[in-house]
Amino acid sequence: MKAGVLLVDKPVGPTSHDVVGAARRSLGIRRIGHFGTLDPFASGLLVLGIGPATRLAPFCTAHSKVYRAAVRLGQRSDTDDSDGALEPVLVSTPPDRAAVERACAAWVGSVHQVPPSYSAKHVGGRRAYALARAGETVTLDAAAVRIDSIRIERYAWPELEIVVRCGPGTYMRSLARDLGEELGTGGH
């Protein structure tokens, strides 16, 4: 029986489920699962459990994660990312770096974050993204998450690049949206 942990450098494009499917076909086994999802537009490390190693998921997902995120300020998106319908936000004076630093600091710690409506969260037995794509209003409850740090790598209005160290369940799309709202500029 095949067992182990497979580290995949997921490119932009496929879903985490697509990567699991490719691994199943390539290895010829059914029991494969991922230890956390990456959005299709995200690239990075996707950890897969193979065979009995899928039982390790609860132990692996509890650890901190590090993300590098590009945030676009001055716009809102119905999906909280650049793939959605974008709505410009008129900003008379872009926030300076000190304001951006304060907004980032406000989201560090144990916080409550509302997941994106276009997410895999279940609502009444269905995926939130399926309801949203069908034109239904999706209301998700805020979840407690932990954000250990947000480091600004680059800020040149309207672009903000950050490195985030956080606990499980934290959505970078939601953080981009929330930082934009904190700044009064919108963001995705």
C-alpha atoms as a PDB file:
ATOM      1  CA  MET A   1       0.000   0.000   0.000  1.00  0.00           C
ATOM      2  CA  LYS A   2       1.312   3.413  -0.965  1.00  0.00           C
ATOM      3  CA  ALA A   3       1.468   5.952   1.868  1.00  0.00           C
ATOM      4  CA  GLY A   4       3.173   9.246   2.447  1.00  0.00           C
ATOM      5  CA  VAL A   5       3.078  12.988   2.096  1.00  0.00           C
ATOM      6  CA  LEU A   6       3.478  14.603  -1.302  1.00  0.00           C
ATOM      7  CA  LEU A   7       4.567  18.237  -1.594  1.00  0.00           C
ATOM      8  CA  VAL A   8       3.208  19.849  -4.753  1.00  0.00           C
ATOM      9  CA  ASP A   9       4.265  23.212  -6.179  1.00  0.00           C
ATOM     10  CA  LYS A  10       0.762  24.151  -7.387  1.00  0.00           C
ATOM     11  CA  PRO A  11       0.794  26.565 -10.324  1.00  0.00           C
ATOM     12  CA  VAL A  12      -1.817  29.234 -11.033  1.00  0.00           C
ATOM     13  CA  GLY A  13      -4.858  27.667 -12.710  1.00  0.00           C
ATOM     14  CA  PRO A  14      -5.848  24.306 -11.265  1.00  0.00           C
ATOM     15  CA  THR A  15      -7.946  23.952  -8.135  1.00  0.00           C
ATOM     16  CA  SER A  16      -6.672  21.961  -5.171  1.00  0.00           C
ATOM     17  CA  HIS A  17      -9.203  19.295  -6.163  1.00  0.00           C
ATOM     18  CA  ASP A  18      -7.727  19.218  -9.698  1.00  0.00           C
ATOM     19  CA  VAL A  19      -4.279  18.562  -8.211  1.00  0.00           C
ATOM     20  CA  VAL A  20      -5.653  15.733  -6.039  1.00  0.00           C
ATOM     21  CA  GLY A  21      -7.291  14.212  -9.139  1.00  0.00           C
ATOM     22  CA  ALA A  22      -4.042  14.368 -11.103  1.00  0.00           C
ATOM     23  CA  ALA A  23      -2.165  12.717  -8.219  1.00  0.00           C
ATOM     24  CA  ARG A  24      -4.798   9.954  -8.011  1.00  0.00           C
ATOM     25  CA  ARG A  25      -4.459   9.231 -11.722  1.00  0.00           C
ATOM     26  CA  SER A  26      -0.670   9.423 -11.697  1.00  0.00           C
ATOM     27  CA  LEU A  27      -0.195   7.206  -8.630  1.00  0.00           C
ATOM     28  CA  GLY A  28      -3.108   4.896  -9.355  1.00  0.00           C
ATOM     29  CA  ILE A  29      -4.663   5.183  -5.901  1.00  0.00           C
ATOM     30  CA  ARG A  30      -7.934   6.650  -4.706  1.00  0.00           C
ATOM     31  CA  ARG A  31      -7.158   7.693  -1.144  1.00  0.00           C
ATOM     32  CA  ILE A  32      -5.458  11.067  -1.530  1.00  0.00           C
ATOM     33  CA  GLY A  33      -6.457  14.327   0.110  1.00  0.00           C
ATOM     34  CA  HIS A  34      -5.053  17.818   0.528  1.00  0.00           C
ATOM     35  CA  PHE A  35      -4.152  19.380   3.854  1.00  0.00           C
ATOM     36  CA  GLY A  36      -5.621  22.789   2.974  1.00  0.00           C
ATOM     37  CA  THR A  37      -6.753  24.515  -0.208  1.00  0.00           C
ATOM     38  CA  LEU A  38      -5.207  27.086  -2.475  1.00  0.00           C
ATOM     39  CA  ASP A  39      -7.452  29.145  -4.750  1.00  0.00           C
ATOM     40  CA  PRO A  40      -7.066  28.542  -8.504  1.00  0.00           C
ATOM     41  CA  PHE A  41      -5.375  31.952  -8.942  1.00  0.00           C
ATOM     42  CA  ALA A  42      -2.876  31.144  -6.169  1.00  0.00           C
ATOM     43  CA  SER A  43       0.403  29.315  -6.579  1.00  0.00           C
ATOM     44  CA  GLY A  44       2.421  27.681  -3.848  1.00  0.00           C
ATOM     45  CA  LEU A  45       2.896  24.642  -1.671  1.00  0.00           C
ATOM     46  CA  LEU A  46      -0.031  22.207  -1.608  1.00  0.00           C
ATOM     47  CA  VAL A  47       0.468  19.304   0.801  1.00  0.00           C
ATOM     48  CA  LEU A  48      -1.196  15.994  -0.114  1.00  0.00           C
ATOM     49  CA  GLY A  49      -1.659  12.961   2.107  1.00  0.00           C
ATOM     50  CA  ILE A  50      -1.492   9.574   0.365  1.00  0.00           C
ATOM     51  CA  GLY A  51      -3.211   6.450   1.695  1.00  0.00           C
ATOM     52  CA  PRO A  52      -3.094   6.141   5.486  1.00  0.00           C
ATOM     53  CA  ALA A  53      -1.139   9.423   5.678  1.00  0.00           C
ATOM     54  CA  THR A  54      -4.416  11.279   5.024  1.00  0.00           C
ATOM     55  CA  ARG A  55      -5.002  10.785   8.770  1.00  0.00           C
ATOM     56  CA  LEU A  56      -2.190  13.272   9.421  1.00  0.00           C
ATOM     57  CA  ALA A  57      -4.283  16.162   8.061  1.00  0.00           C
ATOM     58  CA  PRO A  58      -5.573  17.387  11.450  1.00  0.00           C
ATOM     59  CA  PHE A  59      -2.010  17.572  12.769  1.00  0.00           C
ATOM     60  CA  CYS A  60      -0.600  19.312   9.700  1.00  0.00           C
ATOM     61  CA  THR A  61      -3.349  21.886   9.223  1.00  0.00           C
ATOM     62  CA  ALA A  62      -3.093  23.160  12.803  1.00  0.00           C
ATOM     63  CA  HIS A  63       0.293  24.798  12.164  1.00  0.00           C
ATOM     64  CA  SER A  64       0.980  28.348  11.037  1.00  0.00           C
ATOM     65  CA  LYS A  65       1.156  29.171   7.356  1.00  0.00           C
ATOM     66  CA  VAL A  66       2.941  31.941   5.484  1.00  0.00           C
ATOM     67  CA  TYR A  67       1.409  33.655   2.461  1.00  0.00           C
ATOM     68  CA  ARG A  68       2.708  36.331   0.118  1.00  0.00           C
ATOM     69  CA  ALA A  69      -0.266  38.310  -1.156  1.00  0.00           C
ATOM     70  CA  ALA A  70      -0.741  41.065  -3.707  1.00  0.00           C
ATOM     71  CA  VAL A  71      -3.569  43.394  -2.662  1.00  0.00           C
ATOM     72  CA  ARG A  72      -5.166  45.830  -5.071  1.00  0.00           C
ATOM     73  CA  LEU A  73      -6.622  48.852  -3.268  1.00  0.00           C
ATOM     74  CA  GLY A  74      -9.115  51.268  -4.819  1.00  0.00           C
ATOM     75  CA  GLN A  75     -11.494  48.537  -6.017  1.00  0.00           C
ATOM     76  CA  ARG A  76     -14.004  46.100  -4.560  1.00  0.00           C
ATOM     77  CA  SER A  77     -14.766  42.684  -6.020  1.00  0.00           C
ATOM     78  CA  ASP A  78     -17.828  40.485  -5.546  1.00  0.00           C
ATOM     79  CA  THR A  79     -15.481  37.480  -5.210  1.00  0.00           C
ATOM     80  CA  ASP A  80     -12.846  39.363  -3.174  1.00  0.00           C
ATOM     81  CA  ASP A  81     -10.307  38.659  -5.942  1.00  0.00           C
ATOM     82  CA  SER A  82      -9.464  39.980  -9.403  1.00  0.00           C
ATOM     83  CA  ASP A  83     -11.573  37.292 -11.116  1.00  0.00           C
ATOM     84  CA  GLY A  84     -14.830  38.857  -9.901  1.00  0.00           C
ATOM     85  CA  ALA A  85     -16.832  41.866 -11.003  1.00  0.00           C
ATOM     86  CA  LEU A  86     -14.701  44.872 -10.078  1.00  0.00           C
ATOM     87  CA  GLU A  87     -16.144  48.112  -8.761  1.00  0.00           C
ATOM     88  CA  PRO A  88     -13.847  51.152  -8.536  1.00  0.00           C
ATOM     89  CA  VAL A  89     -13.821  53.082  -5.270  1.00  0.00           C
ATOM     90  CA  LEU A  90     -13.202  56.803  -5.606  1.00  0.00           C
ATOM     91  CA  VAL A  91     -10.428  57.828  -3.240  1.00  0.00           C
ATOM     92  CA  SER A  92      -9.636  61.528  -3.001  1.00  0.00           C
ATOM     93  CA  THR A  93      -6.312  60.974  -1.247  1.00  0.00           C
ATOM     94  CA  PRO A  94      -4.663  57.553  -1.221  1.00  0.00           C
ATOM     95  CA  PRO A  95      -3.639  56.390   2.251  1.00  0.00           C
ATOM     96  CA  ASP A  96       0.000  56.889   3.164  1.00  0.00           C
ATOM     97  CA  ARG A  97       2.220  54.041   4.343  1.00  0.00           C
ATOM     98  CA  ALA A  98       1.591  54.853   8.022  1.00  0.00           C
ATOM     99  CA  ALA A  99      -2.167  54.426   7.492  1.00  0.00           C
ATOM    100  CA  VAL A 100      -1.572  51.107   5.718  1.00  0.00           C
ATOM    101  CA  GLU A 101       0.661  49.967   8.594  1.00  0.00           C
ATOM    102  CA  ARG A 102      -2.096  50.852  11.111  1.00  0.00           C
ATOM    103  CA  ALA A 103      -4.702  48.981   9.051  1.00  0.00           C
ATOM    104  CA  CYS A 104      -2.467  45.906   8.924  1.00  0.00           C
ATOM    105  CA  ALA A 105      -1.783  46.099  12.661  1.00  0.00           C
ATOM    106  CA  ALA A 106      -5.549  46.209  13.350  1.00  0.00           C
ATOM    107  CA  TRP A 107      -5.883  42.705  11.831  1.00  0.00           C
ATOM    108  CA  VAL A 108      -3.052  41.088  13.794  1.00  0.00           C
ATOM    109  CA  GLY A 109      -4.100  38.828  16.662  1.00  0.00           C
ATOM    110  CA  SER A 110      -7.177  36.714  17.258  1.00  0.00           C
ATOM    111  CA  VAL A 111      -9.779  38.242  14.957  1.00  0.00           C
ATOM    112  CA  HIS A 112     -13.136  37.347  13.430  1.00  0.00           C
ATOM    113  CA  GLN A 113     -13.075  37.087   9.662  1.00  0.00           C
ATOM    114  CA  VAL A 114     -15.993  36.608   7.278  1.00  0.00           C
ATOM    115  CA  PRO A 115     -15.041  34.105   4.557  1.00  0.00           C
ATOM    116  CA  PRO A 116     -15.592  35.125   0.921  1.00  0.00           C
ATOM    117  CA  SER A 117     -19.052  34.341  -0.439  1.00  0.00           C
ATOM    118  CA  TYR A 118     -17.288  32.528  -3.287  1.00  0.00           C
ATOM    119  CA  SER A 119     -15.665  29.949  -1.007  1.00  0.00           C
ATOM    120  CA  ALA A 120     -16.002  26.226  -0.374  1.00  0.00           C
ATOM    121  CA  LYS A 121     -17.747  26.807   2.967  1.00  0.00           C
ATOM    122  CA  HIS A 122     -21.011  24.907   3.342  1.00  0.00           C
ATOM    123  CA  VAL A 123     -24.293  26.809   3.648  1.00  0.00           C
ATOM    124  CA  GLY A 124     -27.365  24.638   4.137  1.00  0.00           C
ATOM    125  CA  GLY A 125     -25.555  21.611   2.723  1.00  0.00           C
ATOM    126  CA  ARG A 126     -24.326  23.407  -0.411  1.00  0.00           C
ATOM    127  CA  ARG A 127     -21.038  25.126  -1.220  1.00  0.00           C
ATOM    128  CA  ALA A 128     -21.175  28.894  -0.834  1.00  0.00           C
ATOM    129  CA  TYR A 129     -19.602  29.429  -4.277  1.00  0.00           C
ATOM    130  CA  ALA A 130     -22.334  27.323  -5.925  1.00  0.00           C
ATOM    131  CA  LEU A 131     -25.031  29.456  -4.293  1.00  0.00           C
ATOM    132  CA  ALA A 132     -23.236  32.697  -5.212  1.00  0.00           C
ATOM    133  CA  ARG A 133     -22.778  31.607  -8.838  1.00  0.00           C
ATOM    134  CA  ALA A 134     -26.488  30.772  -8.977  1.00  0.00           C
ATOM    135  CA  GLY A 135     -27.229  34.380  -8.022  1.00  0.00           C
ATOM    136  CA  GLU A 136     -28.340  33.595  -4.476  1.00  0.00           C
ATOM    137  CA  THR A 137     -27.355  35.849  -1.591  1.00  0.00           C
ATOM    138  CA  VAL A 138     -24.762  34.128   0.558  1.00  0.00           C
ATOM    139  CA  THR A 139     -24.363  35.102   4.191  1.00  0.00           C
ATOM    140  CA  LEU A 140     -21.478  33.492   6.019  1.00  0.00           C
ATOM    141  CA  ASP A 141     -20.755  33.819   9.717  1.00  0.00           C
ATOM    142  CA  ALA A 142     -17.490  35.304  10.852  1.00  0.00           C
ATOM    143  CA  ALA A 143     -14.989  32.714  12.031  1.00  0.00           C
ATOM    144  CA  ALA A 144     -12.288  33.149  14.645  1.00  0.00           C
ATOM    145  CA  VAL A 145      -8.854  33.113  13.004  1.00  0.00           C
ATOM    146  CA  ARG A 146      -5.354  33.984  14.141  1.00  0.00           C
ATOM    147  CA  ILE A 147      -3.088  36.360  12.241  1.00  0.00           C
ATOM    148  CA  ASP A 148       0.391  36.370  13.747  1.00  0.00           C
ATOM    149  CA  SER A 149       1.938  39.066  11.584  1.00  0.00           C
ATOM    150  CA  ILE A 150       1.449  41.156   8.461  1.00  0.00           C
ATOM    151  CA  ARG A 151       4.637  42.548   6.953  1.00  0.00           C
ATOM    152  CA  ILE A 152       4.430  45.130   4.197  1.00  0.00           C
ATOM    153  CA  GLU A 153       6.858  44.176   1.449  1.00  0.00           C
ATOM    154  CA  ARG A 154       5.916  46.986  -0.932  1.00  0.00           C
ATOM    155  CA  TYR A 155       3.339  49.738  -1.082  1.00  0.00           C
ATOM    156  CA  ALA A 156       2.894  51.903  -4.167  1.00  0.00           C
ATOM    157  CA  TRP A 157      -0.736  53.025  -4.456  1.00  0.00           C
ATOM    158  CA  PRO A 158      -2.870  51.154  -5.415  1.00  0.00           C
ATOM    159  CA  GLU A 159      -0.663  48.069  -5.073  1.00  0.00           C
ATOM    160  CA  LEU A 160       0.200  46.525  -1.722  1.00  0.00           C
ATOM    161  CA  GLU A 161       2.333  43.416  -1.273  1.00  0.00           C
ATOM    162  CA  ILE A 162       2.240  41.745   2.125  1.00  0.00           C
ATOM    163  CA  VAL A 163       3.619  38.639   3.800  1.00  0.00           C
ATOM    164  CA  VAL A 164       1.158  37.135   6.270  1.00  0.00           C
ATOM    165  CA  ARG A 165       1.881  34.529   8.932  1.00  0.00           C
ATOM    166  CA  CYS A 166      -1.397  33.081  10.171  1.00  0.00           C
ATOM    167  CA  GLY A 167      -3.241  30.124  11.594  1.00  0.00           C
ATOM    168  CA  PRO A 168      -5.575  27.755   9.762  1.00  0.00           C
ATOM    169  CA  GLY A 169      -8.792  28.975   8.169  1.00  0.00           C
ATOM    170  CA  THR A 170      -7.515  32.445   7.318  1.00  0.00           C
ATOM    171  CA  TYR A 171      -8.549  33.688   3.867  1.00  0.00           C
ATOM    172  CA  MET A 172      -6.143  36.048   2.098  1.00  0.00           C
ATOM    173  CA  ARG A 173      -9.026  37.261  -0.110  1.00  0.00           C
ATOM    174  CA  SER A 174     -10.966  38.246   2.999  1.00  0.00           C
ATOM    175  CA  LEU A 175      -7.932  39.929   4.511  1.00  0.00           C
ATOM    176  CA  ALA A 176      -7.424  41.985   1.323  1.00  0.00           C
ATOM    177  CA  ARG A 177     -11.103  42.986   1.417  1.00  0.00           C
ATOM    178  CA  ASP A 178     -10.937  43.824   5.131  1.00  0.00           C
ATOM    179  CA  LEU A 179      -7.754  45.882   4.798  1.00  0.00           C
ATOM    180  CA  GLY A 180      -9.411  47.828   1.978  1.00  0.00           C
ATOM    181  CA  GLU A 181     -12.468  48.487   4.115  1.00  0.00           C
ATOM    182  CA  GLU A 182     -10.275  49.501   7.075  1.00  0.00           C
ATOM    183  CA  LEU A 183      -8.579  52.031   4.785  1.00  0.00           C
ATOM    184  CA  GLY A 184     -11.840  53.186   3.169  1.00  0.00           C
ATOM    185  CA  THR A 185     -10.478  52.305  -0.262  1.00  0.00           C
ATOM    186  CA  GLY A 186     -11.913  48.874  -0.988  1.00  0.00           C
ATOM    187  CA  GLY A 187      -9.506  46.082  -1.769  1.00  0.00           C
ATOM    188  CA  HIS A 188      -9.153  42.634  -3.259  1.00  0.00           C
END
